[in-house]
Amino acid sequence: MTMKVSATKDTCAVSSLCVYRVPEVFDQDEEGAVEVIDPAPPAGLHDDVRSAARGCPTRSIHVE
């Protein structure tokens, strides 16, 4: 199954939790807002990505 990851930078609280949890998928821009660097992560990272999405304080991470 393919996962699609996206994020809403405008609502990002810059908590960096997603970056710490899955640095292979998430990074931060110059202002610290979330950036998705791998929008279709491998299956081995799916659980970690879902956990990062659930842990996002502003629900700025979206997983399909």
C-alpha atoms as a PDB file:
ATOM      1  CA  MET A   1       0.000   0.000   0.000  1.00  0.00           C
ATOM      2  CA  THR A   2       1.262   3.448  -0.917  1.00  0.00           C
ATOM      3  CA  MET A   3       1.131   6.215   1.662  1.00  0.00           C
ATOM      4  CA  LYS A   4       0.830   9.874   0.724  1.00  0.00           C
ATOM      5  CA  VAL A   5       2.073  12.436   3.250  1.00  0.00           C
ATOM      6  CA  SER A   6       1.425  16.164   3.140  1.00  0.00           C
ATOM      7  CA  ALA A   7       1.568  19.028   5.611  1.00  0.00           C
ATOM      8  CA  THR A   8       0.009  22.443   6.097  1.00  0.00           C
ATOM      9  CA  LYS A   9       2.819  24.889   6.805  1.00  0.00           C
ATOM     10  CA  ASP A  10       0.408  27.704   7.715  1.00  0.00           C
ATOM     11  CA  THR A  11      -0.841  25.849  10.791  1.00  0.00           C
ATOM     12  CA  CYS A  12       2.499  24.331  11.858  1.00  0.00           C
ATOM     13  CA  ALA A  13       3.373  25.193  15.463  1.00  0.00           C
ATOM     14  CA  VAL A  14       7.090  24.508  14.880  1.00  0.00           C
ATOM     15  CA  SER A  15       7.186  21.908  17.635  1.00  0.00           C
ATOM     16  CA  SER A  16       9.616  19.782  15.561  1.00  0.00           C
ATOM     17  CA  LEU A  17       8.146  16.541  16.916  1.00  0.00           C
ATOM     18  CA  CYS A  18       7.642  15.143  13.420  1.00  0.00           C
ATOM     19  CA  VAL A  19      11.258  15.858  12.479  1.00  0.00           C
ATOM     20  CA  TYR A  20      12.550  14.091  15.583  1.00  0.00           C
ATOM     21  CA  ARG A  21      10.253  11.097  15.023  1.00  0.00           C
ATOM     22  CA  VAL A  22      10.801  10.575  11.289  1.00  0.00           C
ATOM     23  CA  PRO A  23      13.703  12.644   9.909  1.00  0.00           C
ATOM     24  CA  GLU A  24      13.598  10.542   6.734  1.00  0.00           C
ATOM     25  CA  VAL A  25      10.203  12.075   5.908  1.00  0.00           C
ATOM     26  CA  PHE A  26      10.027  15.467   7.652  1.00  0.00           C
ATOM     27  CA  ASP A  27      12.310  18.497   7.802  1.00  0.00           C
ATOM     28  CA  GLN A  28      11.940  22.180   8.619  1.00  0.00           C
ATOM     29  CA  ASP A  29      12.246  25.278   6.449  1.00  0.00           C
ATOM     30  CA  GLU A  30      14.169  28.431   7.383  1.00  0.00           C
ATOM     31  CA  GLU A  31      11.355  29.548   9.706  1.00  0.00           C
ATOM     32  CA  GLY A  32      11.081  26.122  11.324  1.00  0.00           C
ATOM     33  CA  ALA A  33       7.812  25.101   9.637  1.00  0.00           C
ATOM     34  CA  VAL A  34       7.333  21.500   8.580  1.00  0.00           C
ATOM     35  CA  GLU A  35       8.437  20.320   5.156  1.00  0.00           C
ATOM     36  CA  VAL A  36       7.681  16.889   3.748  1.00  0.00           C
ATOM     37  CA  ILE A  37      10.848  15.599   2.090  1.00  0.00           C
ATOM     38  CA  ASP A  38       9.448  12.147   1.238  1.00  0.00           C
ATOM     39  CA  PRO A  39       5.731  12.317   0.409  1.00  0.00           C
ATOM     40  CA  ALA A  40       5.620   8.576  -0.364  1.00  0.00           C
ATOM     41  CA  PRO A  41       7.684   6.921   2.388  1.00  0.00           C
ATOM     42  CA  PRO A  42       8.515   3.202   2.324  1.00  0.00           C
ATOM     43  CA  ALA A  43       6.255   0.777   4.183  1.00  0.00           C
ATOM     44  CA  GLY A  44       8.778   0.409   6.992  1.00  0.00           C
ATOM     45  CA  LEU A  45       8.159   4.031   8.014  1.00  0.00           C
ATOM     46  CA  HIS A  46       4.347   4.035   7.814  1.00  0.00           C
ATOM     47  CA  ASP A  47       3.779   3.393  11.528  1.00  0.00           C
ATOM     48  CA  ASP A  48       6.249   6.118  12.498  1.00  0.00           C
ATOM     49  CA  VAL A  49       4.633   8.601  10.093  1.00  0.00           C
ATOM     50  CA  ARG A  50       1.174   7.841  11.478  1.00  0.00           C
ATOM     51  CA  SER A  51       2.525   8.323  14.991  1.00  0.00           C
ATOM     52  CA  ALA A  52       4.038  11.674  14.008  1.00  0.00           C
ATOM     53  CA  ALA A  53       0.732  12.764  12.474  1.00  0.00           C
ATOM     54  CA  ARG A  54      -1.177  11.788  15.632  1.00  0.00           C
ATOM     55  CA  GLY A  55       1.384  13.627  17.775  1.00  0.00           C
ATOM     56  CA  CYS A  56       1.244  16.859  15.794  1.00  0.00           C
ATOM     57  CA  PRO A  57      -0.237  19.456  18.186  1.00  0.00           C
ATOM     58  CA  THR A  58      -1.924  21.379  15.362  1.00  0.00           C
ATOM     59  CA  ARG A  59      -2.863  18.385  13.167  1.00  0.00           C
ATOM     60  CA  SER A  60      -0.810  19.886  10.343  1.00  0.00           C
ATOM     61  CA  ILE A  61       0.371  16.514   9.032  1.00  0.00           C
ATOM     62  CA  HIS A  62      -1.959  14.645   6.687  1.00  0.00           C
ATOM     63  CA  VAL A  63      -1.677  10.957   5.802  1.00  0.00           C
ATOM     64  CA  GLU A  64      -3.633   9.171   3.084  1.00  0.00           C
END
